[in-house]
Amino acid sequence: MAKGAGPPASAPDPVIVRPEDFDAIRRHAEREYPLTACGVIMARGADRRVLICQNIQDELHAKDALRHPRDARTAFFVAPQDLLEIGRMENQGFHVGVIYHSNPDTRAFLSGEDRSSALLPSGSPSYPTAAYLVMSVMAGGAVDSAAFRWDSRRREFVDVPLVHSSITPLPPGHRHGAAPVSQASPANVGHTAPTPKPRWAAPRPLRVFLCHSSSDKALVRRLYRRLQSEPVDPWLDEDKLLPGQDWDQEIARAVRAADVVLVCLSREAVNRAGFVQREIRYALDVADQQPEGTIFLIPAKLETCDVPERLRRWHWVELFEPEGYEGLLRALQERSRSVT
């Protein structure tokens, strides 16, 4: 080693999955075949819990095949209620340890679109410490698996060894009974739908403030990312607030600057004392200053729940319903017609 040189950067750790968890994922993947299975392993210390998620890609495809051209055989979209459960477990001290999905009738790999969908607009991963596990299922039986982690030095997802009960760790890029996998292979078939094109023209992106409870962070984060593919500039605290900024001051400024405030509601959120009281108060003050008929404050139900009394004067949207997101977009498009 040259004088003054530091130690070489370490490669991402292998992915270690308990035998019983690996078997649960395998059974899920085989049960869902020929559709794509998806889920997560939540971790808290030595505690591991497999959360089997519902793939609602078929519902989205049936509703709008142009916007969601793939069905559940080649794509997955985690159901809102599962994202809510992930958020609740995060509030109990768990974190997302592994994100898994199956690849029906193709090899175990992380496609280019899988990789891009796992990133925030900033280019950083949504779950930087999580591993990604992909399981190949052929003719109803699991035949292969692969694991990937984010390499902060290379700023990309890399193939890493997968350790579980029935497989010996292999060097990255190799598989049992398969040729080495090229990370840049143009033959990769994506398992998430490509980012759709914006659906309406606007003089500028519509500024949408996402008012929410921390218990719903996982689902709101997903909503935030969906809105970014529209002519919308969504505002989410974890992405917009900078270290050292005054929280109250910046929230108030963001609400005043917003064209629309989306108040995200869930059972746990509305039953929690002090649920985003300041944000709602700011929004109500600004709503009172809007011209009559202006769409400004939209209560958005993430699941079946009551709407707080002071928000009931506004028609709400039920985002947990298949057509809910489309209804929200219609409201935002209508609002965009009046902004300059």
C-alpha atoms as a PDB file:
ATOM      1  CA  MET A   1       0.000   0.000   0.000  1.00  0.00           C
ATOM      2  CA  ALA A   2       1.352   3.426  -0.928  1.00  0.00           C
ATOM      3  CA  LYS A   3       2.346   5.735   1.884  1.00  0.00           C
ATOM      4  CA  GLY A   4      -0.589   7.815   3.025  1.00  0.00           C
ATOM      5  CA  ALA A   5      -3.158   5.673   1.266  1.00  0.00           C
ATOM      6  CA  GLY A   6      -6.145   4.557   3.305  1.00  0.00           C
ATOM      7  CA  PRO A   7      -7.586   1.075   3.398  1.00  0.00           C
ATOM      8  CA  PRO A   8      -9.502   0.020   0.296  1.00  0.00           C
ATOM      9  CA  ALA A   9     -13.235   0.642   0.384  1.00  0.00           C
ATOM     10  CA  SER A  10     -15.095  -2.412   1.605  1.00  0.00           C
ATOM     11  CA  ALA A  11     -17.640  -4.140  -0.609  1.00  0.00           C
ATOM     12  CA  PRO A  12     -21.282  -4.255   0.522  1.00  0.00           C
ATOM     13  CA  ASP A  13     -22.045  -7.032   2.986  1.00  0.00           C
ATOM     14  CA  PRO A  14     -23.589 -10.311   1.869  1.00  0.00           C
ATOM     15  CA  VAL A  15     -27.307 -10.763   2.402  1.00  0.00           C
ATOM     16  CA  ILE A  16     -28.056 -13.237   5.180  1.00  0.00           C
ATOM     17  CA  VAL A  17     -31.589 -14.624   5.270  1.00  0.00           C
ATOM     18  CA  ARG A  18     -32.786 -17.079   7.913  1.00  0.00           C
ATOM     19  CA  PRO A  19     -33.786 -20.474   6.494  1.00  0.00           C
ATOM     20  CA  GLU A  20     -37.395 -20.102   7.638  1.00  0.00           C
ATOM     21  CA  ASP A  21     -37.641 -16.640   6.069  1.00  0.00           C
ATOM     22  CA  PHE A  22     -36.132 -17.829   2.797  1.00  0.00           C
ATOM     23  CA  ASP A  23     -38.611 -20.719   2.723  1.00  0.00           C
ATOM     24  CA  ALA A  24     -41.511 -18.325   3.372  1.00  0.00           C
ATOM     25  CA  ILE A  25     -40.406 -16.171   0.427  1.00  0.00           C
ATOM     26  CA  ARG A  26     -39.993 -19.242  -1.780  1.00  0.00           C
ATOM     27  CA  ARG A  27     -43.472 -20.504  -0.916  1.00  0.00           C
ATOM     28  CA  HIS A  28     -44.947 -17.063  -1.566  1.00  0.00           C
ATOM     29  CA  ALA A  29     -43.207 -16.809  -4.949  1.00  0.00           C
ATOM     30  CA  GLU A  30     -44.404 -20.273  -5.979  1.00  0.00           C
ATOM     31  CA  ARG A  31     -47.944 -19.634  -4.747  1.00  0.00           C
ATOM     32  CA  GLU A  32     -48.243 -16.410  -6.751  1.00  0.00           C
ATOM     33  CA  TYR A  33     -46.806 -17.881  -9.964  1.00  0.00           C
ATOM     34  CA  PRO A  34     -47.258 -16.928 -12.798  1.00  0.00           C
ATOM     35  CA  LEU A  35     -47.720 -13.507 -11.182  1.00  0.00           C
ATOM     36  CA  THR A  36     -44.995 -11.492  -9.460  1.00  0.00           C
ATOM     37  CA  ALA A  37     -44.808 -11.912  -5.703  1.00  0.00           C
ATOM     38  CA  CYS A  38     -43.487  -9.078  -3.533  1.00  0.00           C
ATOM     39  CA  GLY A  39     -42.822  -8.364   0.124  1.00  0.00           C
ATOM     40  CA  VAL A  40     -40.272  -7.307   2.710  1.00  0.00           C
ATOM     41  CA  ILE A  41     -38.375  -8.637   5.687  1.00  0.00           C
ATOM     42  CA  MET A  42     -38.651  -6.189   8.585  1.00  0.00           C
ATOM     43  CA  ALA A  43     -35.805  -6.219  11.094  1.00  0.00           C
ATOM     44  CA  ARG A  44     -35.426  -4.993  14.667  1.00  0.00           C
ATOM     45  CA  GLY A  45     -32.294  -6.238  16.385  1.00  0.00           C
ATOM     46  CA  ALA A  46     -32.380 -10.018  16.125  1.00  0.00           C
ATOM     47  CA  ASP A  47     -36.123 -10.000  15.349  1.00  0.00           C
ATOM     48  CA  ARG A  48     -37.057 -10.699  11.713  1.00  0.00           C
ATOM     49  CA  ARG A  49     -40.568 -10.678  10.283  1.00  0.00           C
ATOM     50  CA  VAL A  50     -41.580 -11.499   6.720  1.00  0.00           C
ATOM     51  CA  LEU A  51     -44.359  -9.204   5.520  1.00  0.00           C
ATOM     52  CA  ILE A  52     -46.069 -10.713   2.484  1.00  0.00           C
ATOM     53  CA  CYS A  53     -47.452  -7.871   0.380  1.00  0.00           C
ATOM     54  CA  GLN A  54     -50.277  -7.712  -2.117  1.00  0.00           C
ATOM     55  CA  ASN A  55     -49.337  -6.901  -5.698  1.00  0.00           C
ATOM     56  CA  ILE A  56     -52.015  -4.586  -7.150  1.00  0.00           C
ATOM     57  CA  GLN A  57     -50.386  -4.180 -10.565  1.00  0.00           C
ATOM     58  CA  ASP A  58     -53.260  -6.018 -12.277  1.00  0.00           C
ATOM     59  CA  GLU A  59     -55.759  -3.527 -10.841  1.00  0.00           C
ATOM     60  CA  LEU A  60     -53.703  -0.591 -12.114  1.00  0.00           C
ATOM     61  CA  HIS A  61     -53.267  -2.218 -15.527  1.00  0.00           C
ATOM     62  CA  ALA A  62     -57.006  -2.903 -15.838  1.00  0.00           C
ATOM     63  CA  LYS A  63     -57.794   0.697 -14.921  1.00  0.00           C
ATOM     64  CA  ASP A  64     -55.296   2.363 -17.274  1.00  0.00           C
ATOM     65  CA  ALA A  65     -53.327   0.091 -19.595  1.00  0.00           C
ATOM     66  CA  LEU A  66     -51.658   3.042 -21.302  1.00  0.00           C
ATOM     67  CA  ARG A  67     -50.224   4.343 -18.071  1.00  0.00           C
ATOM     68  CA  HIS A  68     -49.566   0.881 -16.607  1.00  0.00           C
ATOM     69  CA  PRO A  69     -48.783  -1.234 -19.672  1.00  0.00           C
ATOM     70  CA  ARG A  70     -47.569  -4.245 -17.689  1.00  0.00           C
ATOM     71  CA  ASP A  71     -49.665  -6.582 -15.628  1.00  0.00           C
ATOM     72  CA  ALA A  72     -48.709  -8.558 -12.533  1.00  0.00           C
ATOM     73  CA  ARG A  73     -46.857 -11.163 -14.564  1.00  0.00           C
ATOM     74  CA  THR A  74     -44.026  -8.712 -15.243  1.00  0.00           C
ATOM     75  CA  ALA A  75     -44.475  -5.916 -12.705  1.00  0.00           C
ATOM     76  CA  PHE A  76     -45.413  -5.303  -9.101  1.00  0.00           C
ATOM     77  CA  PHE A  77     -46.938  -2.460  -7.134  1.00  0.00           C
ATOM     78  CA  VAL A  78     -47.227  -2.832  -3.360  1.00  0.00           C
ATOM     79  CA  ALA A  79     -50.759  -2.294  -2.034  1.00  0.00           C
ATOM     80  CA  PRO A  80     -51.365   0.833   0.073  1.00  0.00           C
ATOM     81  CA  GLN A  81     -52.405  -1.136   3.156  1.00  0.00           C
ATOM     82  CA  ASP A  82     -49.070  -2.971   3.121  1.00  0.00           C
ATOM     83  CA  LEU A  83     -47.137   0.283   2.872  1.00  0.00           C
ATOM     84  CA  LEU A  84     -49.116   1.516   5.864  1.00  0.00           C
ATOM     85  CA  GLU A  85     -48.140  -1.594   7.809  1.00  0.00           C
ATOM     86  CA  ILE A  86     -44.483  -1.052   6.903  1.00  0.00           C
ATOM     87  CA  GLY A  87     -44.735   2.498   8.232  1.00  0.00           C
ATOM     88  CA  ARG A  88     -46.326   1.330  11.474  1.00  0.00           C
ATOM     89  CA  MET A  89     -43.617  -1.250  12.020  1.00  0.00           C
ATOM     90  CA  GLU A  90     -40.973   1.413  11.370  1.00  0.00           C
ATOM     91  CA  ASN A  91     -42.548   3.431  14.166  1.00  0.00           C
ATOM     92  CA  GLN A  92     -42.135   0.369  16.420  1.00  0.00           C
ATOM     93  CA  GLY A  93     -38.383   0.333  15.806  1.00  0.00           C
ATOM     94  CA  PHE A  94     -38.265  -1.980  12.790  1.00  0.00           C
ATOM     95  CA  HIS A  95     -36.556  -1.123   9.547  1.00  0.00           C
ATOM     96  CA  VAL A  96     -36.819  -2.572   6.052  1.00  0.00           C
ATOM     97  CA  GLY A  97     -34.061  -5.183   5.937  1.00  0.00           C
ATOM     98  CA  VAL A  98     -34.875  -6.956   2.675  1.00  0.00           C
ATOM     99  CA  ILE A  99     -37.183  -6.085  -0.221  1.00  0.00           C
ATOM    100  CA  TYR A 100     -38.030  -9.121  -2.320  1.00  0.00           C
ATOM    101  CA  HIS A 101     -39.885  -9.964  -5.494  1.00  0.00           C
ATOM    102  CA  SER A 102     -40.125 -12.902  -7.848  1.00  0.00           C
ATOM    103  CA  ASN A 103     -39.226 -13.079 -11.531  1.00  0.00           C
ATOM    104  CA  PRO A 104     -41.709 -15.493 -13.141  1.00  0.00           C
ATOM    105  CA  ASP A 105     -40.277 -17.449 -16.089  1.00  0.00           C
ATOM    106  CA  THR A 106     -37.007 -15.532 -16.207  1.00  0.00           C
ATOM    107  CA  ARG A 107     -33.730 -15.496 -14.337  1.00  0.00           C
ATOM    108  CA  ALA A 108     -33.018 -13.900 -10.971  1.00  0.00           C
ATOM    109  CA  PHE A 109     -31.725 -10.412 -11.609  1.00  0.00           C
ATOM    110  CA  LEU A 110     -32.412  -6.777 -10.763  1.00  0.00           C
ATOM    111  CA  SER A 111     -33.372  -5.025 -13.980  1.00  0.00           C
ATOM    112  CA  GLY A 112     -32.462  -1.490 -14.907  1.00  0.00           C
ATOM    113  CA  GLU A 113     -36.013  -0.381 -14.226  1.00  0.00           C
ATOM    114  CA  ASP A 114     -36.014  -2.187 -10.876  1.00  0.00           C
ATOM    115  CA  ARG A 115     -32.896  -0.238  -9.989  1.00  0.00           C
ATOM    116  CA  SER A 116     -34.246   3.134 -11.094  1.00  0.00           C
ATOM    117  CA  SER A 117     -37.540   2.595  -9.266  1.00  0.00           C
ATOM    118  CA  ALA A 118     -35.598   1.983  -6.047  1.00  0.00           C
ATOM    119  CA  LEU A 119     -34.014   5.439  -6.238  1.00  0.00           C
ATOM    120  CA  LEU A 120     -35.242   8.833  -5.121  1.00  0.00           C
ATOM    121  CA  PRO A 121     -35.083  11.712  -7.632  1.00  0.00           C
ATOM    122  CA  SER A 122     -31.824  12.753  -5.948  1.00  0.00           C
ATOM    123  CA  GLY A 123     -30.237   9.495  -7.104  1.00  0.00           C
ATOM    124  CA  SER A 124     -30.037   8.041  -3.613  1.00  0.00           C
ATOM    125  CA  PRO A 125     -31.869   4.824  -2.707  1.00  0.00           C
ATOM    126  CA  SER A 126     -35.230   4.995  -0.969  1.00  0.00           C
ATOM    127  CA  TYR A 127     -33.981   2.371   1.503  1.00  0.00           C
ATOM    128  CA  PRO A 128     -30.170   2.722   1.530  1.00  0.00           C
ATOM    129  CA  THR A 129     -29.553  -0.061   4.062  1.00  0.00           C
ATOM    130  CA  ALA A 130     -32.042  -2.553   2.618  1.00  0.00           C
ATOM    131  CA  ALA A 131     -31.029  -5.524   0.510  1.00  0.00           C
ATOM    132  CA  TYR A 132     -32.942  -6.670  -2.555  1.00  0.00           C
ATOM    133  CA  LEU A 133     -33.699 -10.349  -3.050  1.00  0.00           C
ATOM    134  CA  VAL A 134     -34.962 -11.637  -6.391  1.00  0.00           C
ATOM    135  CA  MET A 135     -36.252 -15.192  -6.867  1.00  0.00           C
ATOM    136  CA  SER A 136     -36.601 -16.874 -10.242  1.00  0.00           C
ATOM    137  CA  VAL A 137     -39.671 -19.104 -10.609  1.00  0.00           C
ATOM    138  CA  MET A 138     -39.960 -21.450 -13.575  1.00  0.00           C
ATOM    139  CA  ALA A 139     -43.052 -23.582 -14.228  1.00  0.00           C
ATOM    140  CA  GLY A 140     -44.280 -22.937 -10.691  1.00  0.00           C
ATOM    141  CA  GLY A 141     -41.053 -23.846  -8.888  1.00  0.00           C
ATOM    142  CA  ALA A 142     -38.324 -21.608  -7.487  1.00  0.00           C
ATOM    143  CA  VAL A 143     -35.060 -22.385  -9.270  1.00  0.00           C
ATOM    144  CA  ASP A 144     -32.675 -19.547  -8.431  1.00  0.00           C
ATOM    145  CA  SER A 145     -32.191 -16.468  -6.284  1.00  0.00           C
ATOM    146  CA  ALA A 146     -29.972 -13.411  -6.231  1.00  0.00           C
ATOM    147  CA  ALA A 147     -29.228 -10.561  -3.825  1.00  0.00           C
ATOM    148  CA  PHE A 148     -28.221  -6.944  -4.328  1.00  0.00           C
ATOM    149  CA  ARG A 149     -27.140  -4.013  -2.168  1.00  0.00           C
ATOM    150  CA  TRP A 150     -26.494  -0.332  -2.755  1.00  0.00           C
ATOM    151  CA  ASP A 151     -22.787   0.430  -3.125  1.00  0.00           C
ATOM    152  CA  SER A 152     -22.368   4.011  -1.912  1.00  0.00           C
ATOM    153  CA  ARG A 153     -18.863   4.233  -3.376  1.00  0.00           C
ATOM    154  CA  ARG A 154     -19.925   3.191  -6.880  1.00  0.00           C
ATOM    155  CA  ARG A 155     -23.398   4.698  -6.430  1.00  0.00           C
ATOM    156  CA  GLU A 156     -25.174   1.712  -7.918  1.00  0.00           C
ATOM    157  CA  PHE A 157     -26.757  -1.563  -6.894  1.00  0.00           C
ATOM    158  CA  VAL A 158     -24.296  -4.441  -6.968  1.00  0.00           C
ATOM    159  CA  ASP A 159     -24.638  -8.197  -6.904  1.00  0.00           C
ATOM    160  CA  VAL A 160     -23.659  -9.645  -3.491  1.00  0.00           C
ATOM    161  CA  PRO A 161     -23.568 -13.176  -2.039  1.00  0.00           C
ATOM    162  CA  LEU A 162     -26.821 -14.554  -0.665  1.00  0.00           C
ATOM    163  CA  VAL A 163     -26.506 -16.762   2.407  1.00  0.00           C
ATOM    164  CA  HIS A 164     -29.349 -19.053   3.443  1.00  0.00           C
ATOM    165  CA  SER A 165     -29.992 -22.674   4.282  1.00  0.00           C
ATOM    166  CA  SER A 166     -29.654 -24.316   0.913  1.00  0.00           C
ATOM    167  CA  ILE A 167     -27.111 -22.304  -1.014  1.00  0.00           C
ATOM    168  CA  THR A 168     -23.407 -21.660  -0.531  1.00  0.00           C
ATOM    169  CA  PRO A 169     -22.384 -18.025  -1.003  1.00  0.00           C
ATOM    170  CA  LEU A 170     -21.016 -17.420  -4.476  1.00  0.00           C
ATOM    171  CA  PRO A 171     -18.884 -14.548  -5.761  1.00  0.00           C
ATOM    172  CA  PRO A 172     -20.957 -11.614  -7.025  1.00  0.00           C
ATOM    173  CA  GLY A 173     -22.165 -12.122 -10.575  1.00  0.00           C
ATOM    174  CA  HIS A 174     -22.420 -15.928 -10.410  1.00  0.00           C
ATOM    175  CA  ARG A 175     -25.334 -18.304  -9.987  1.00  0.00           C
ATOM    176  CA  HIS A 176     -25.859 -21.968  -9.352  1.00  0.00           C
ATOM    177  CA  GLY A 177     -26.296 -23.571 -12.774  1.00  0.00           C
ATOM    178  CA  ALA A 178     -26.157 -20.253 -14.616  1.00  0.00           C
ATOM    179  CA  ALA A 179     -23.615 -18.129 -16.384  1.00  0.00           C
ATOM    180  CA  PRO A 180     -22.253 -14.984 -14.710  1.00  0.00           C
ATOM    181  CA  VAL A 181     -24.770 -12.152 -14.774  1.00  0.00           C
ATOM    182  CA  SER A 182     -23.795  -8.901 -16.440  1.00  0.00           C
ATOM    183  CA  GLN A 183     -25.099  -5.873 -14.555  1.00  0.00           C
ATOM    184  CA  ALA A 184     -25.296  -3.916 -17.813  1.00  0.00           C
ATOM    185  CA  SER A 185     -27.047  -6.644 -19.794  1.00  0.00           C
ATOM    186  CA  PRO A 186     -29.416  -5.059 -22.340  1.00  0.00           C
ATOM    187  CA  ALA A 187     -31.572  -8.175 -22.178  1.00  0.00           C
ATOM    188  CA  ASN A 188     -32.807  -7.340 -18.673  1.00  0.00           C
ATOM    189  CA  VAL A 189     -36.598  -7.422 -18.571  1.00  0.00           C
ATOM    190  CA  GLY A 190     -38.004  -4.885 -16.103  1.00  0.00           C
ATOM    191  CA  HIS A 191     -40.375  -5.818 -13.301  1.00  0.00           C
ATOM    192  CA  THR A 192     -41.648  -2.332 -12.631  1.00  0.00           C
ATOM    193  CA  ALA A 193     -43.466  -0.087 -15.012  1.00  0.00           C
ATOM    194  CA  PRO A 194     -41.429   2.723 -16.560  1.00  0.00           C
ATOM    195  CA  THR A 195     -41.948   6.246 -15.326  1.00  0.00           C
ATOM    196  CA  PRO A 196     -45.016   7.532 -17.169  1.00  0.00           C
ATOM    197  CA  LYS A 197     -45.085  10.770 -19.095  1.00  0.00           C
ATOM    198  CA  PRO A 198     -46.942  13.716 -17.557  1.00  0.00           C
ATOM    199  CA  ARG A 199     -50.624  13.720 -18.505  1.00  0.00           C
ATOM    200  CA  TRP A 200     -51.270  17.429 -18.836  1.00  0.00           C
ATOM    201  CA  ALA A 201     -49.370  20.521 -19.813  1.00  0.00           C
ATOM    202  CA  ALA A 202     -48.904  23.228 -17.194  1.00  0.00           C
ATOM    203  CA  PRO A 203     -47.135  26.601 -17.185  1.00  0.00           C
ATOM    204  CA  ARG A 204     -45.219  25.361 -14.141  1.00  0.00           C
ATOM    205  CA  PRO A 205     -45.336  22.326 -11.844  1.00  0.00           C
ATOM    206  CA  LEU A 206     -48.222  22.407  -9.398  1.00  0.00           C
ATOM    207  CA  ARG A 207     -46.900  22.840  -5.845  1.00  0.00           C
ATOM    208  CA  VAL A 208     -48.500  20.177  -3.630  1.00  0.00           C
ATOM    209  CA  PHE A 209     -47.798  20.031   0.114  1.00  0.00           C
ATOM    210  CA  LEU A 210     -48.116  16.554   1.668  1.00  0.00           C
ATOM    211  CA  CYS A 211     -49.485  16.918   5.187  1.00  0.00           C
ATOM    212  CA  HIS A 212     -49.196  13.573   6.985  1.00  0.00           C
ATOM    213  CA  SER A 213     -48.515  11.704  10.186  1.00  0.00           C
ATOM    214  CA  SER A 214     -45.126  10.054  10.674  1.00  0.00           C
ATOM    215  CA  SER A 215     -46.981   6.757  11.120  1.00  0.00           C
ATOM    216  CA  ASP A 216     -47.911   6.891   7.430  1.00  0.00           C
ATOM    217  CA  LYS A 217     -44.455   7.854   6.142  1.00  0.00           C
ATOM    218  CA  ALA A 218     -43.916   4.749   3.983  1.00  0.00           C
ATOM    219  CA  LEU A 219     -47.165   5.166   2.060  1.00  0.00           C
ATOM    220  CA  VAL A 220     -46.817   8.934   1.749  1.00  0.00           C
ATOM    221  CA  ARG A 221     -43.279   8.473   0.450  1.00  0.00           C
ATOM    222  CA  ARG A 222     -44.662   6.240  -2.302  1.00  0.00           C
ATOM    223  CA  LEU A 223     -47.349   8.831  -3.112  1.00  0.00           C
ATOM    224  CA  TYR A 224     -44.622  11.491  -3.247  1.00  0.00           C
ATOM    225  CA  ARG A 225     -42.695   9.496  -5.820  1.00  0.00           C
ATOM    226  CA  ARG A 226     -45.797   8.892  -7.961  1.00  0.00           C
ATOM    227  CA  LEU A 227     -46.607  12.599  -7.973  1.00  0.00           C
ATOM    228  CA  GLN A 228     -43.092  13.397  -9.147  1.00  0.00           C
ATOM    229  CA  SER A 229     -43.919  11.727 -12.465  1.00  0.00           C
ATOM    230  CA  GLU A 230     -46.734  14.241 -12.979  1.00  0.00           C
ATOM    231  CA  PRO A 231     -46.534  18.012 -13.670  1.00  0.00           C
ATOM    232  CA  VAL A 232     -46.338  18.345  -9.882  1.00  0.00           C
ATOM    233  CA  ASP A 233     -43.713  19.591  -7.445  1.00  0.00           C
ATOM    234  CA  PRO A 234     -44.677  17.697  -4.263  1.00  0.00           C
ATOM    235  CA  TRP A 235     -43.325  18.874  -0.903  1.00  0.00           C
ATOM    236  CA  LEU A 236     -42.272  16.191   1.601  1.00  0.00           C
ATOM    237  CA  ASP A 237     -40.415  17.189   4.740  1.00  0.00           C
ATOM    238  CA  GLU A 238     -37.742  14.462   4.622  1.00  0.00           C
ATOM    239  CA  ASP A 239     -36.733  15.503   1.116  1.00  0.00           C
ATOM    240  CA  LYS A 240     -37.202  19.275   1.278  1.00  0.00           C
ATOM    241  CA  LEU A 241     -36.059  20.279   4.779  1.00  0.00           C
ATOM    242  CA  LEU A 242     -32.351  20.940   5.203  1.00  0.00           C
ATOM    243  CA  PRO A 243     -30.343  20.344   8.393  1.00  0.00           C
ATOM    244  CA  GLY A 244     -30.473  23.395  10.647  1.00  0.00           C
ATOM    245  CA  GLN A 245     -33.630  24.901   9.140  1.00  0.00           C
ATOM    246  CA  ASP A 246     -36.397  26.025  11.469  1.00  0.00           C
ATOM    247  CA  TRP A 247     -39.098  23.356  11.110  1.00  0.00           C
ATOM    248  CA  ASP A 248     -42.104  25.535  11.979  1.00  0.00           C
ATOM    249  CA  GLN A 249     -40.949  28.383   9.794  1.00  0.00           C
ATOM    250  CA  GLU A 250     -40.263  26.206   6.758  1.00  0.00           C
ATOM    251  CA  ILE A 251     -43.524  24.272   7.086  1.00  0.00           C
ATOM    252  CA  ALA A 252     -45.527  27.488   7.284  1.00  0.00           C
ATOM    253  CA  ARG A 253     -43.658  28.890   4.273  1.00  0.00           C
ATOM    254  CA  ALA A 254     -44.238  25.713   2.252  1.00  0.00           C
ATOM    255  CA  VAL A 255     -47.973  25.661   3.038  1.00  0.00           C
ATOM    256  CA  ARG A 256     -48.355  29.323   2.063  1.00  0.00           C
ATOM    257  CA  ALA A 257     -46.510  28.686  -1.214  1.00  0.00           C
ATOM    258  CA  ALA A 258     -48.529  25.566  -2.054  1.00  0.00           C
ATOM    259  CA  ASP A 259     -51.179  25.448  -4.750  1.00  0.00           C
ATOM    260  CA  VAL A 260     -52.738  22.412  -3.071  1.00  0.00           C
ATOM    261  CA  VAL A 261     -52.447  20.897   0.404  1.00  0.00           C
ATOM    262  CA  LEU A 262     -53.051  17.160   0.522  1.00  0.00           C
ATOM    263  CA  VAL A 263     -53.995  16.058   4.069  1.00  0.00           C
ATOM    264  CA  CYS A 264     -53.210  12.327   4.238  1.00  0.00           C
ATOM    265  CA  LEU A 265     -55.498  10.425   6.628  1.00  0.00           C
ATOM    266  CA  SER A 266     -55.418   6.952   8.197  1.00  0.00           C
ATOM    267  CA  ARG A 267     -57.079   5.378  11.226  1.00  0.00           C
ATOM    268  CA  GLU A 268     -53.953   5.636  13.326  1.00  0.00           C
ATOM    269  CA  ALA A 269     -53.282   9.197  12.229  1.00  0.00           C
ATOM    270  CA  VAL A 270     -56.730  10.608  13.010  1.00  0.00           C
ATOM    271  CA  ASN A 271     -56.800   8.856  16.392  1.00  0.00           C
ATOM    272  CA  ARG A 272     -53.411  10.184  17.413  1.00  0.00           C
ATOM    273  CA  ALA A 273     -53.463  13.192  19.706  1.00  0.00           C
ATOM    274  CA  GLY A 274     -52.005  16.276  18.061  1.00  0.00           C
ATOM    275  CA  PHE A 275     -52.129  14.809  14.553  1.00  0.00           C
ATOM    276  CA  VAL A 276     -50.180  17.329  12.439  1.00  0.00           C
ATOM    277  CA  GLN A 277     -52.102  20.073  14.194  1.00  0.00           C
ATOM    278  CA  ARG A 278     -49.833  22.904  13.138  1.00  0.00           C
ATOM    279  CA  GLU A 279     -49.733  21.884   9.479  1.00  0.00           C
ATOM    280  CA  ILE A 280     -53.525  21.612   9.307  1.00  0.00           C
ATOM    281  CA  ARG A 281     -53.925  24.939  11.088  1.00  0.00           C
ATOM    282  CA  TYR A 282     -51.616  26.616   8.561  1.00  0.00           C
ATOM    283  CA  ALA A 283     -53.550  24.982   5.711  1.00  0.00           C
ATOM    284  CA  LEU A 284     -56.942  26.052   7.071  1.00  0.00           C
ATOM    285  CA  ASP A 285     -55.744  29.636   7.423  1.00  0.00           C
ATOM    286  CA  VAL A 286     -54.551  29.692   3.804  1.00  0.00           C
ATOM    287  CA  ALA A 287     -57.693  27.894   2.599  1.00  0.00           C
ATOM    288  CA  ASP A 288     -59.842  30.687   4.031  1.00  0.00           C
ATOM    289  CA  GLN A 289     -57.948  33.165   1.830  1.00  0.00           C
ATOM    290  CA  GLN A 290     -58.586  31.269  -1.420  1.00  0.00           C
ATOM    291  CA  PRO A 291     -61.165  32.498  -3.945  1.00  0.00           C
ATOM    292  CA  GLU A 292     -64.486  30.696  -3.763  1.00  0.00           C
ATOM    293  CA  GLY A 293     -64.449  27.427  -5.688  1.00  0.00           C
ATOM    294  CA  THR A 294     -60.663  27.039  -5.634  1.00  0.00           C
ATOM    295  CA  ILE A 295     -59.389  23.501  -5.099  1.00  0.00           C
ATOM    296  CA  PHE A 296     -56.799  23.984  -2.372  1.00  0.00           C
ATOM    297  CA  LEU A 297     -57.262  21.553   0.526  1.00  0.00           C
ATOM    298  CA  ILE A 298     -57.903  17.892  -0.307  1.00  0.00           C
ATOM    299  CA  PRO A 299     -58.421  15.300   2.470  1.00  0.00           C
ATOM    300  CA  ALA A 300     -56.845  12.079   1.170  1.00  0.00           C
ATOM    301  CA  LYS A 301     -57.827   8.821   2.876  1.00  0.00           C
ATOM    302  CA  LEU A 302     -55.020   6.256   2.778  1.00  0.00           C
ATOM    303  CA  GLU A 303     -57.389   3.604   4.133  1.00  0.00           C
ATOM    304  CA  THR A 304     -60.955   3.387   5.426  1.00  0.00           C
ATOM    305  CA  CYS A 305     -61.106   5.931   8.253  1.00  0.00           C
ATOM    306  CA  ASP A 306     -63.081   8.879   9.605  1.00  0.00           C
ATOM    307  CA  VAL A 307     -62.417  12.372   8.341  1.00  0.00           C
ATOM    308  CA  PRO A 308     -61.825  14.915  11.154  1.00  0.00           C
ATOM    309  CA  GLU A 309     -64.744  17.277  11.654  1.00  0.00           C
ATOM    310  CA  ARG A 310     -62.883  20.389  10.583  1.00  0.00           C
ATOM    311  CA  LEU A 311     -61.965  18.809   7.214  1.00  0.00           C
ATOM    312  CA  ARG A 312     -65.410  17.475   6.295  1.00  0.00           C
ATOM    313  CA  ARG A 313     -66.448  20.563   4.352  1.00  0.00           C
ATOM    314  CA  TRP A 314     -64.100  19.425   1.574  1.00  0.00           C
ATOM    315  CA  HIS A 315     -64.792  16.414  -0.621  1.00  0.00           C
ATOM    316  CA  TRP A 316     -62.165  13.770   0.081  1.00  0.00           C
ATOM    317  CA  VAL A 317     -60.430  11.239  -2.124  1.00  0.00           C
ATOM    318  CA  GLU A 318     -59.981   7.571  -1.190  1.00  0.00           C
ATOM    319  CA  LEU A 319     -56.487   6.714  -2.373  1.00  0.00           C
ATOM    320  CA  PHE A 320     -56.811   3.085  -1.274  1.00  0.00           C
ATOM    321  CA  GLU A 321     -59.385   2.507  -4.010  1.00  0.00           C
ATOM    322  CA  PRO A 322     -58.069   1.582  -7.481  1.00  0.00           C
ATOM    323  CA  GLU A 323     -59.588   4.719  -9.017  1.00  0.00           C
ATOM    324  CA  GLY A 324     -58.572   6.982  -6.114  1.00  0.00           C
ATOM    325  CA  TYR A 325     -55.270   8.188  -7.556  1.00  0.00           C
ATOM    326  CA  GLU A 326     -56.955   8.999 -10.869  1.00  0.00           C
ATOM    327  CA  GLY A 327     -59.526  11.094  -9.033  1.00  0.00           C
ATOM    328  CA  LEU A 328     -56.757  12.981  -7.258  1.00  0.00           C
ATOM    329  CA  LEU A 329     -55.029  13.689 -10.566  1.00  0.00           C
ATOM    330  CA  ARG A 330     -58.252  15.071 -12.035  1.00  0.00           C
ATOM    331  CA  ALA A 331     -58.500  17.488  -9.118  1.00  0.00           C
ATOM    332  CA  LEU A 332     -54.861  18.530  -9.513  1.00  0.00           C
ATOM    333  CA  GLN A 333     -55.302  19.012 -13.248  1.00  0.00           C
ATOM    334  CA  GLU A 334     -58.338  21.206 -12.594  1.00  0.00           C
ATOM    335  CA  ARG A 335     -56.355  23.251 -10.077  1.00  0.00           C
ATOM    336  CA  SER A 336     -53.452  23.642 -12.517  1.00  0.00           C
ATOM    337  CA  ARG A 337     -55.717  25.525 -14.933  1.00  0.00           C
ATOM    338  CA  SER A 338     -55.873  28.450 -12.533  1.00  0.00           C
ATOM    339  CA  VAL A 339     -52.172  28.769 -11.688  1.00  0.00           C
ATOM    340  CA  THR A 340     -49.674  30.955 -13.535  1.00  0.00           C
END
